[in-house]
C-alpha atoms as a PDB file:
ATOM      1  CA  ASP A   1     -20.218   6.927  26.051  1.00  0.00           C
ATOM      2  CA  SER A   2     -17.270   6.924  28.452  1.00  0.00           C
ATOM      3  CA  LEU A   3     -15.345   9.470  26.329  1.00  0.00           C
ATOM      4  CA  ILE A   4     -17.795  12.322  26.920  1.00  0.00           C
ATOM      5  CA  ASN A   5     -16.703  14.723  29.682  1.00  0.00           C
ATOM      6  CA  SER A   6     -13.624  12.585  30.372  1.00  0.00           C
ATOM      7  CA  ASN A   7      -9.902  13.275  30.107  1.00  0.00           C
ATOM      8  CA  PHE A   8      -9.436  12.245  26.472  1.00  0.00           C
ATOM      9  CA  GLY A   9      -5.712  11.638  26.971  1.00  0.00           C
ATOM     10  CA  LEU A  10      -6.448   8.645  29.223  1.00  0.00           C
ATOM     11  CA  PHE A  11      -7.917   6.720  26.282  1.00  0.00           C
ATOM     12  CA  ILE A  12      -5.040   7.182  23.823  1.00  0.00           C
ATOM     13  CA  THR A  13      -2.762   4.181  23.330  1.00  0.00           C
ATOM     14  CA  LYS A  14       0.944   4.602  24.041  1.00  0.00           C
ATOM     15  CA  GLU A  15       1.963   4.020  20.420  1.00  0.00           C
ATOM     16  CA  THR A  16      -0.361   6.752  19.101  1.00  0.00           C
ATOM     17  CA  GLN A  17       0.337   9.262  21.888  1.00  0.00           C
ATOM     18  CA  PRO A  18       3.093  11.030  19.869  1.00  0.00           C
ATOM     19  CA  VAL A  19       0.689  11.381  16.910  1.00  0.00           C
ATOM     20  CA  PHE A  20      -1.943  12.888  19.194  1.00  0.00           C
ATOM     21  CA  ASN A  21       0.562  15.252  20.833  1.00  0.00           C
ATOM     22  CA  ASN A  22       1.662  16.483  17.408  1.00  0.00           C
ATOM     23  CA  PHE A  23      -2.004  16.918  16.432  1.00  0.00           C
ATOM     24  CA  LEU A  24      -2.717  19.020  19.536  1.00  0.00           C
ATOM     25  CA  ASN A  25       0.325  21.169  18.862  1.00  0.00           C
ATOM     26  CA  ARG A  26      -0.916  21.808  15.324  1.00  0.00           C
ATOM     27  CA  VAL A  27      -4.444  22.589  16.571  1.00  0.00           C
ATOM     28  CA  PHE A  28      -3.219  25.283  18.962  1.00  0.00           C
ATOM     29  CA  THR A  29      -0.678  26.804  16.548  1.00  0.00           C
ATOM     30  CA  ASN A  30      -2.726  26.817  13.310  1.00  0.00           C
ATOM     31  CA  PRO A  31      -5.997  28.604  12.626  1.00  0.00           C
ATOM     32  CA  ILE A  32      -7.319  25.868  10.326  1.00  0.00           C
ATOM     33  CA  ARG A  33      -8.868  22.525  11.289  1.00  0.00           C
ATOM     34  CA  GLN A  34      -6.316  19.734  11.837  1.00  0.00           C
ATOM     35  CA  THR A  35      -6.740  15.954  11.512  1.00  0.00           C
ATOM     36  CA  CYS A  36      -5.085  12.733  12.640  1.00  0.00           C
ATOM     37  CA  ASP A  37      -5.850   9.046  13.126  1.00  0.00           C
ATOM     38  CA  ILE A  38      -5.185   7.388  16.497  1.00  0.00           C
ATOM     39  CA  ARG A  39      -6.088   4.272  18.433  1.00  0.00           C
ATOM     40  CA  LEU A  40      -8.096   4.428  21.669  1.00  0.00           C
ATOM     41  CA  GLU A  41      -8.615   1.879  24.438  1.00  0.00           C
ATOM     42  CA  HIS A  42     -10.448   1.762  27.740  1.00  0.00           C
ATOM     43  CA  LYS A  43     -10.146  -0.646  30.694  1.00  0.00           C
ATOM     44  CA  GLY A  44      -9.742  -3.986  28.974  1.00  0.00           C
ATOM     45  CA  GLU A  45     -12.254  -3.276  26.215  1.00  0.00           C
ATOM     46  CA  PRO A  46     -11.122  -3.847  22.625  1.00  0.00           C
ATOM     47  CA  SER A  47      -9.208  -0.893  21.225  1.00  0.00           C
ATOM     48  CA  PHE A  48     -10.586   1.053  18.288  1.00  0.00           C
ATOM     49  CA  TYR A  49      -9.345   3.573  15.740  1.00  0.00           C
ATOM     50  CA  VAL A  50     -10.691   7.104  15.377  1.00  0.00           C
ATOM     51  CA  HIS A  51     -10.195   9.908  12.914  1.00  0.00           C
ATOM     52  CA  LEU A  52      -9.950  13.199  14.779  1.00  0.00           C
ATOM     53  CA  GLU A  53     -10.702  16.651  13.472  1.00  0.00           C
ATOM     54  CA  GLY A  54      -9.861  19.488  15.786  1.00  0.00           C
ATOM     55  CA  LYS A  55      -9.826  23.241  15.990  1.00  0.00           C
ATOM     56  CA  LYS A  56      -9.065  25.537  18.884  1.00  0.00           C
ATOM     57  CA  SER A  57     -12.001  27.292  20.540  1.00  0.00           C
ATOM     58  CA  GLU A  58     -12.756  30.983  19.980  1.00  0.00           C
ATOM     59  CA  ASN A  59     -10.907  31.950  23.179  1.00  0.00           C
ATOM     60  CA  GLY A  60      -8.011  29.632  22.280  1.00  0.00           C
ATOM     61  CA  GLU A  61      -8.131  27.749  25.597  1.00  0.00           C
ATOM     62  CA  LYS A  62      -9.813  24.533  24.463  1.00  0.00           C
ATOM     63  CA  CYS A  63      -9.655  22.133  21.567  1.00  0.00           C
ATOM     64  CA  LEU A  64     -12.969  21.280  19.934  1.00  0.00           C
ATOM     65  CA  LEU A  65     -12.810  17.699  18.616  1.00  0.00           C
ATOM     66  CA  THR A  66     -14.854  15.512  16.362  1.00  0.00           C
ATOM     67  CA  ALA A  67     -14.026  11.794  16.530  1.00  0.00           C
ATOM     68  CA  ILE A  68     -15.182   9.325  13.886  1.00  0.00           C
ATOM     69  CA  ASP A  69     -14.787   5.586  14.427  1.00  0.00           C
ATOM     70  CA  ILE A  70     -12.681   4.262  11.531  1.00  0.00           C
ATOM     71  CA  SER A  71     -11.945   0.857  13.052  1.00  0.00           C
ATOM     72  CA  GLU A  72     -13.541  -1.151  10.269  1.00  0.00           C
ATOM     73  CA  ILE A  73     -11.653   0.735   7.550  1.00  0.00           C
ATOM     74  CA  LYS A  74      -8.357   0.657   9.467  1.00  0.00           C
ATOM     75  CA  ASN A  75      -8.645  -3.057  10.294  1.00  0.00           C
ATOM     76  CA  THR A  76      -9.458  -3.834   6.656  1.00  0.00           C
ATOM     77  CA  LYS A  77      -6.387  -1.885   5.513  1.00  0.00           C
ATOM     78  CA  LEU A  78      -4.180  -3.661   8.061  1.00  0.00           C
ATOM     79  CA  ALA A  79      -5.528  -7.052   6.925  1.00  0.00           C
ATOM     80  CA  LEU A  80      -4.825  -6.145   3.284  1.00  0.00           C
ATOM     81  CA  ILE A  81      -1.268  -5.143   4.171  1.00  0.00           C
ATOM     82  CA  GLU A  82      -0.704  -8.487   5.900  1.00  0.00           C
ATOM     83  CA  GLU A  83      -2.250 -10.364   2.974  1.00  0.00           C
ATOM     84  CA  GLU A  84      -0.022  -8.495   0.518  1.00  0.00           C
ATOM     85  CA  LYS A  85       3.046  -9.382   2.612  1.00  0.00           C
ATOM     86  CA  ALA A  86       2.045 -13.047   2.492  1.00  0.00           C
ATOM     87  CA  HIS A  87       1.545 -12.932  -1.292  1.00  0.00           C
ATOM     88  CA  ARG A  88       4.876 -11.190  -1.832  1.00  0.00           C
ATOM     89  CA  LEU A  89       6.604 -13.785   0.344  1.00  0.00           C
ATOM     90  CA  LEU A  90       5.028 -16.574  -1.733  1.00  0.00           C
ATOM     91  CA  ILE A  91       5.985 -14.908  -5.032  1.00  0.00           C
ATOM     92  CA  HIS A  92       9.561 -14.274  -3.935  1.00  0.00           C
ATOM     93  CA  ASN A  93      10.019 -17.890  -2.839  1.00  0.00           C
ATOM     94  CA  LEU A  94       8.549 -19.592  -5.918  1.00  0.00           C
ATOM     95  CA  HIS A  95      10.897 -21.634  -8.082  1.00  0.00           C
ATOM     96  CA  ALA A  96       9.398 -19.990 -11.171  1.00  0.00           C
ATOM     97  CA  GLY A  97       9.899 -16.549 -12.635  1.00  0.00           C
ATOM     98  CA  VAL A  98       7.090 -14.160 -11.761  1.00  0.00           C
ATOM     99  CA  VAL A  99       6.774 -10.648 -13.181  1.00  0.00           C
ATOM    100  CA  VAL A 100       3.823  -8.427 -12.216  1.00  0.00           C
ATOM    101  CA  HIS A 101       2.927  -5.542 -14.524  1.00  0.00           C
ATOM    102  CA  ALA A 102       0.869  -2.398 -13.928  1.00  0.00           C
ATOM    103  CA  PRO A 103      -1.868  -1.514 -16.460  1.00  0.00           C
ATOM    104  CA  ASP A 104       0.656   0.648 -18.364  1.00  0.00           C
ATOM    105  CA  SER A 105       2.863  -2.498 -18.667  1.00  0.00           C
ATOM    106  CA  GLY A 106       5.493  -1.163 -16.253  1.00  0.00           C
ATOM    107  CA  ILE A 107       6.920  -3.853 -13.989  1.00  0.00           C
ATOM    108  CA  ILE A 108       5.919  -3.370 -10.350  1.00  0.00           C
ATOM    109  CA  LEU A 109       7.172  -6.679  -8.959  1.00  0.00           C
ATOM    110  CA  ALA A 110       9.580  -9.390 -10.071  1.00  0.00           C
ATOM    111  CA  ASN A 111      10.953 -12.272  -8.062  1.00  0.00           C
ATOM    112  CA  HIS A 112      14.544 -13.532  -7.978  1.00  0.00           C
ATOM    113  CA  GLN A 113      13.892 -16.368 -10.419  1.00  0.00           C
ATOM    114  CA  ALA A 114      12.534 -13.866 -12.986  1.00  0.00           C
ATOM    115  CA  SER A 115      15.708 -11.815 -12.583  1.00  0.00           C
ATOM    116  CA  VAL A 116      17.818 -14.915 -13.216  1.00  0.00           C
ATOM    117  CA  LEU A 117      15.791 -15.995 -16.261  1.00  0.00           C
ATOM    118  CA  LEU A 118      15.728 -12.503 -17.781  1.00  0.00           C
ATOM    119  CA  GLY A 119      19.356 -11.709 -16.962  1.00  0.00           C
ATOM    120  CA  LEU A 120      18.495  -8.432 -15.204  1.00  0.00           C
ATOM    121  CA  SER A 121      18.647  -7.444 -11.548  1.00  0.00           C
ATOM    122  CA  ASN A 122      15.409  -6.683  -9.716  1.00  0.00           C
ATOM    123  CA  GLU A 123      16.356  -2.997  -9.711  1.00  0.00           C
ATOM    124  CA  GLN A 124      16.820  -3.134 -13.494  1.00  0.00           C
ATOM    125  CA  LEU A 125      13.420  -4.800 -13.959  1.00  0.00           C
ATOM    126  CA  ILE A 126      11.255  -2.514 -11.827  1.00  0.00           C
ATOM    127  CA  GLY A 127       9.649   0.197 -13.941  1.00  0.00           C
ATOM    128  CA  LYS A 128      10.526  -1.307 -17.316  1.00  0.00           C
ATOM    129  CA  THR A 129       7.669  -1.352 -19.815  1.00  0.00           C
ATOM    130  CA  ARG A 130       6.986  -3.648 -22.748  1.00  0.00           C
ATOM    131  CA  ILE A 131       8.651  -1.232 -25.174  1.00  0.00           C
ATOM    132  CA  ASP A 132      11.865  -0.925 -23.170  1.00  0.00           C
ATOM    133  CA  LYS A 133      15.017  -1.544 -25.226  1.00  0.00           C
ATOM    134  CA  ALA A 134      16.178  -4.120 -22.630  1.00  0.00           C
ATOM    135  CA  TRP A 135      13.610  -6.574 -23.975  1.00  0.00           C
ATOM    136  CA  SER A 136      14.202  -8.694 -27.014  1.00  0.00           C
ATOM    137  CA  PHE A 137      12.240 -11.907 -27.129  1.00  0.00           C
ATOM    138  CA  VAL A 138      12.494 -14.604 -29.777  1.00  0.00           C
ATOM    139  CA  TYR A 139      10.140 -17.412 -30.721  1.00  0.00           C
ATOM    140  CA  SER A 140      11.341 -20.991 -30.267  1.00  0.00           C
ATOM    141  CA  ASN A 141      12.401 -20.967 -33.956  1.00  0.00           C
ATOM    142  CA  GLY A 142      14.692 -17.985 -33.295  1.00  0.00           C
ATOM    143  CA  THR A 143      12.702 -15.268 -35.070  1.00  0.00           C
ATOM    144  CA  PRO A 144      12.228 -11.978 -33.181  1.00  0.00           C
ATOM    145  CA  VAL A 145       8.929 -11.392 -31.393  1.00  0.00           C
ATOM    146  CA  PRO A 146       7.246  -8.079 -32.307  1.00  0.00           C
ATOM    147  CA  VAL A 147       6.431  -5.846 -29.320  1.00  0.00           C
ATOM    148  CA  THR A 148       2.714  -6.352 -29.970  1.00  0.00           C
ATOM    149  CA  ASP A 149       3.176 -10.090 -29.333  1.00  0.00           C
ATOM    150  CA  TYR A 150       5.097  -9.729 -26.053  1.00  0.00           C
ATOM    151  CA  PRO A 151       3.289 -11.600 -23.282  1.00  0.00           C
ATOM    152  CA  VAL A 152       2.310  -8.470 -21.363  1.00  0.00           C
ATOM    153  CA  ALA A 153       0.991  -6.832 -24.548  1.00  0.00           C
ATOM    154  CA  GLN A 154      -1.191  -9.872 -25.259  1.00  0.00           C
ATOM    155  CA  VAL A 155      -2.578  -9.971 -21.721  1.00  0.00           C
ATOM    156  CA  ILE A 156      -3.341  -6.236 -21.738  1.00  0.00           C
ATOM    157  CA  ALA A 157      -4.991  -6.492 -25.174  1.00  0.00           C
ATOM    158  CA  THR A 158      -7.125  -9.553 -24.419  1.00  0.00           C
ATOM    159  CA  LEU A 159      -7.481  -9.300 -20.610  1.00  0.00           C
ATOM    160  CA  LYS A 160      -6.920 -13.069 -20.551  1.00  0.00           C
ATOM    161  CA  PRO A 161      -4.067 -15.196 -19.184  1.00  0.00           C
ATOM    162  CA  LEU A 162      -1.536 -16.838 -21.465  1.00  0.00           C
ATOM    163  CA  TYR A 163      -0.733 -20.522 -21.232  1.00  0.00           C
ATOM    164  CA  ASN A 164       2.158 -22.611 -22.558  1.00  0.00           C
ATOM    165  CA  LEU A 165       3.921 -19.718 -24.249  1.00  0.00           C
ATOM    166  CA  GLU A 166       7.538 -20.491 -24.987  1.00  0.00           C
ATOM    167  CA  LEU A 167       9.863 -17.593 -25.744  1.00  0.00           C
ATOM    168  CA  GLY A 168      13.570 -17.028 -25.529  1.00  0.00           C
END
């Protein structure tokens, strides 16, 4: 309620002020509707995030704005980012090799221990798929493992985890 007929600039947080200034510049220099996301606050009340859509008025003297509260979405995204950081920290500090594959079998994450065990740097691992020539696994008896039996291929095919698989 306090935003209506008020100086909107007074509600914008310092860290999102540059984003808002850029948005206003785009609104007054482009004929099409512009958008941005910023954070607002007012006199000790909890801050909240809004998605702004703006277009200059017919006479070009004012900016017509629509603001949509996106706090729940933004806070959920921020929480997911923090959770992902915590998981990555855990994975990178495990004393076991961990390799995370995308659905196409390309490697999207590998920790240091995996690099050591596989004899490849992290940069060499990222992006490799199960059919990459860098892979050559053998069973414990020394016979080569066909690509269809590689761990990632089995997980993708069955959608189930593997346990106690020993390969070299």
